[in-house]
């Protein structure tokens, strides 16, 4: 496929799916899922964009501040990560994974 054809095809697909994409950008679960996939793939800017959007939406899952905190942690923003993880642990105080993540962030902050 030539570059011109590819650009035209992408433009048609974007137009066709535009309404669906807009709905996903207002859906915390969809953004959390996309953010988790980007985080797993190591695409921190894309993960942070999705997860920060999800945080701003009402009714987001307790995993959203956890995932967003860990994305910030991996991105080197320890202060933001440390601000987010307590929100997750407050909602799920006995969750061992959340507590481990918070401990890792706080240990990293103490080392820096």
C-alpha atoms as a PDB file:
ATOM      1  CA  UNK A   1       0.000   0.000   0.000  1.00  0.00           C
ATOM      2  CA  UNK A   2       1.404   3.378  -0.981  1.00  0.00           C
ATOM      3  CA  UNK A   3       1.807   6.116   1.609  1.00  0.00           C
ATOM      4  CA  UNK A   4      -0.995   8.199   0.079  1.00  0.00           C
ATOM      5  CA  UNK A   5      -3.405   5.274   0.176  1.00  0.00           C
ATOM      6  CA  UNK A   6      -2.477   4.500   3.766  1.00  0.00           C
ATOM      7  CA  UNK A   7      -3.116   8.105   4.839  1.00  0.00           C
ATOM      8  CA  UNK A   8      -6.493   8.096   3.088  1.00  0.00           C
ATOM      9  CA  UNK A   9      -7.424   4.766   4.684  1.00  0.00           C
ATOM     10  CA  UNK A  10      -6.479   5.987   8.158  1.00  0.00           C
ATOM     11  CA  UNK A  11      -8.504   9.173   7.602  1.00  0.00           C
ATOM     12  CA  UNK A  12     -11.578   7.125   6.584  1.00  0.00           C
ATOM     13  CA  UNK A  13     -11.201   4.851   9.606  1.00  0.00           C
ATOM     14  CA  UNK A  14     -10.868   7.798  11.961  1.00  0.00           C
ATOM     15  CA  UNK A  15     -14.000   9.364  10.520  1.00  0.00           C
ATOM     16  CA  UNK A  16     -15.923   6.088  10.693  1.00  0.00           C
ATOM     17  CA  UNK A  17     -14.995   5.411  14.335  1.00  0.00           C
ATOM     18  CA  UNK A  18     -14.904   9.003  15.592  1.00  0.00           C
ATOM     19  CA  UNK A  19     -18.083   8.745  17.684  1.00  0.00           C
ATOM     20  CA  UNK A  20     -16.939   5.501  19.300  1.00  0.00           C
ATOM     21  CA  UNK A  21     -13.558   6.997  20.185  1.00  0.00           C
ATOM     22  CA  UNK A  22     -15.248  10.046  21.712  1.00  0.00           C
ATOM     23  CA  UNK A  23     -17.431   7.784  23.872  1.00  0.00           C
ATOM     24  CA  UNK A  24     -14.357   5.877  25.033  1.00  0.00           C
ATOM     25  CA  UNK A  25     -12.711   9.127  26.094  1.00  0.00           C
ATOM     26  CA  UNK A  26     -15.630   9.687  28.495  1.00  0.00           C
ATOM     27  CA  UNK A  27     -15.553   6.125  29.870  1.00  0.00           C
ATOM     28  CA  UNK A  28     -13.273   5.589  32.877  1.00  0.00           C
ATOM     29  CA  UNK A  29     -13.165   1.811  32.396  1.00  0.00           C
ATOM     30  CA  UNK A  30     -12.169   2.106  28.742  1.00  0.00           C
ATOM     31  CA  UNK A  31      -9.479   4.646  29.596  1.00  0.00           C
ATOM     32  CA  UNK A  32      -8.221   2.504  32.469  1.00  0.00           C
ATOM     33  CA  UNK A  33      -8.005  -0.533  30.210  1.00  0.00           C
ATOM     34  CA  UNK A  34      -6.169   1.391  27.495  1.00  0.00           C
ATOM     35  CA  UNK A  35      -3.867   2.976  30.077  1.00  0.00           C
ATOM     36  CA  UNK A  36      -3.045  -0.422  31.562  1.00  0.00           C
ATOM     37  CA  UNK A  37      -2.203  -1.774  28.098  1.00  0.00           C
ATOM     38  CA  UNK A  38       0.026   1.204  27.324  1.00  0.00           C
ATOM     39  CA  UNK A  39       1.710   0.869  30.717  1.00  0.00           C
ATOM     40  CA  UNK A  40       2.369  -2.844  30.138  1.00  0.00           C
ATOM     41  CA  UNK A  41       3.822  -2.014  26.717  1.00  0.00           C
ATOM     42  CA  UNK A  42       6.075   0.669  28.218  1.00  0.00           C
ATOM     43  CA  UNK A  43       4.400   3.607  26.457  1.00  0.00           C
ATOM     44  CA  UNK A  44       4.377   5.907  29.492  1.00  0.00           C
ATOM     45  CA  UNK A  45       3.147   9.098  27.771  1.00  0.00           C
ATOM     46  CA  UNK A  46       0.118   7.294  26.310  1.00  0.00           C
ATOM     47  CA  UNK A  47      -0.534   5.470  29.596  1.00  0.00           C
ATOM     48  CA  UNK A  48      -0.401   8.703  31.569  1.00  0.00           C
ATOM     49  CA  UNK A  49      -2.724  10.467  29.141  1.00  0.00           C
ATOM     50  CA  UNK A  50      -5.363   7.731  29.445  1.00  0.00           C
ATOM     51  CA  UNK A  51      -5.032   7.269  33.194  1.00  0.00           C
ATOM     52  CA  UNK A  52      -5.047  10.984  34.049  1.00  0.00           C
ATOM     53  CA  UNK A  53      -8.219  11.330  31.942  1.00  0.00           C
ATOM     54  CA  UNK A  54      -9.773   8.385  33.784  1.00  0.00           C
ATOM     55  CA  UNK A  55      -8.923   9.973  37.150  1.00  0.00           C
ATOM     56  CA  UNK A  56     -10.859  13.080  36.183  1.00  0.00           C
ATOM     57  CA  UNK A  57     -14.027  11.091  35.481  1.00  0.00           C
ATOM     58  CA  UNK A  58     -16.573  10.269  38.182  1.00  0.00           C
ATOM     59  CA  UNK A  59     -16.906   6.701  39.342  1.00  0.00           C
ATOM     60  CA  UNK A  60     -13.458   5.529  38.340  1.00  0.00           C
ATOM     61  CA  UNK A  61     -12.221   2.212  39.715  1.00  0.00           C
ATOM     62  CA  UNK A  62      -9.757   2.096  42.643  1.00  0.00           C
ATOM     63  CA  UNK A  63      -7.206   0.670  40.220  1.00  0.00           C
ATOM     64  CA  UNK A  64      -7.114   3.964  38.286  1.00  0.00           C
ATOM     65  CA  UNK A  65      -5.120   5.894  40.920  1.00  0.00           C
ATOM     66  CA  UNK A  66      -2.963   2.792  41.415  1.00  0.00           C
ATOM     67  CA  UNK A  67      -2.163   2.448  37.716  1.00  0.00           C
ATOM     68  CA  UNK A  68      -1.719   6.189  37.291  1.00  0.00           C
ATOM     69  CA  UNK A  69       0.538   6.271  40.324  1.00  0.00           C
ATOM     70  CA  UNK A  70       2.668   3.440  38.987  1.00  0.00           C
ATOM     71  CA  UNK A  71       2.880   5.090  35.557  1.00  0.00           C
ATOM     72  CA  UNK A  72       4.072   8.281  37.251  1.00  0.00           C
ATOM     73  CA  UNK A  73       6.509   6.224  39.339  1.00  0.00           C
ATOM     74  CA  UNK A  74       7.985   4.634  36.208  1.00  0.00           C
ATOM     75  CA  UNK A  75       8.096   8.053  34.591  1.00  0.00           C
ATOM     76  CA  UNK A  76      10.111   9.418  37.520  1.00  0.00           C
ATOM     77  CA  UNK A  77       7.422  11.642  39.053  1.00  0.00           C
ATOM     78  CA  UNK A  78       7.620  10.243  42.562  1.00  0.00           C
ATOM     79  CA  UNK A  79       5.693  13.113  44.153  1.00  0.00           C
ATOM     80  CA  UNK A  80       2.688  12.580  41.856  1.00  0.00           C
ATOM     81  CA  UNK A  81       2.875   8.818  42.381  1.00  0.00           C
ATOM     82  CA  UNK A  82       2.964   9.293  46.153  1.00  0.00           C
ATOM     83  CA  UNK A  83      -0.053  11.598  45.946  1.00  0.00           C
ATOM     84  CA  UNK A  84      -2.105   9.042  43.991  1.00  0.00           C
ATOM     85  CA  UNK A  85      -1.435   5.730  45.725  1.00  0.00           C
ATOM     86  CA  UNK A  86      -2.992   6.717  49.073  1.00  0.00           C
ATOM     87  CA  UNK A  87      -6.244   7.378  47.172  1.00  0.00           C
ATOM     88  CA  UNK A  88      -6.208   3.774  45.982  1.00  0.00           C
ATOM     89  CA  UNK A  89      -5.245   2.321  49.364  1.00  0.00           C
ATOM     90  CA  UNK A  90      -7.958   4.394  51.051  1.00  0.00           C
ATOM     91  CA  UNK A  91     -10.549   2.728  48.828  1.00  0.00           C
ATOM     92  CA  UNK A  92      -9.046  -0.759  49.209  1.00  0.00           C
ATOM     93  CA  UNK A  93      -7.017  -0.628  52.447  1.00  0.00           C
ATOM     94  CA  UNK A  94      -6.348  -4.369  52.701  1.00  0.00           C
ATOM     95  CA  UNK A  95      -5.247  -4.897  49.097  1.00  0.00           C
ATOM     96  CA  UNK A  96      -1.652  -6.196  49.352  1.00  0.00           C
ATOM     97  CA  UNK A  97      -0.641  -5.100  45.838  1.00  0.00           C
ATOM     98  CA  UNK A  98      -1.663  -1.511  46.477  1.00  0.00           C
ATOM     99  CA  UNK A  99       0.197  -1.467  49.769  1.00  0.00           C
ATOM    100  CA  UNK A 100       3.312  -2.912  48.092  1.00  0.00           C
ATOM    101  CA  UNK A 101       3.159  -0.272  45.359  1.00  0.00           C
ATOM    102  CA  UNK A 102       2.845   2.520  47.907  1.00  0.00           C
ATOM    103  CA  UNK A 103       5.769   1.097  49.909  1.00  0.00           C
ATOM    104  CA  UNK A 104       7.935   0.922  46.754  1.00  0.00           C
ATOM    105  CA  UNK A 105       7.159   4.536  45.893  1.00  0.00           C
ATOM    106  CA  UNK A 106       7.891   5.753  49.408  1.00  0.00           C
ATOM    107  CA  UNK A 107      11.137   3.768  49.519  1.00  0.00           C
ATOM    108  CA  UNK A 108      12.194   5.350  46.223  1.00  0.00           C
ATOM    109  CA  UNK A 109      11.352   8.825  47.519  1.00  0.00           C
ATOM    110  CA  UNK A 110      13.469   8.217  50.624  1.00  0.00           C
ATOM    111  CA  UNK A 111      16.408   7.086  48.476  1.00  0.00           C
ATOM    112  CA  UNK A 112      16.340  10.185  46.265  1.00  0.00           C
END
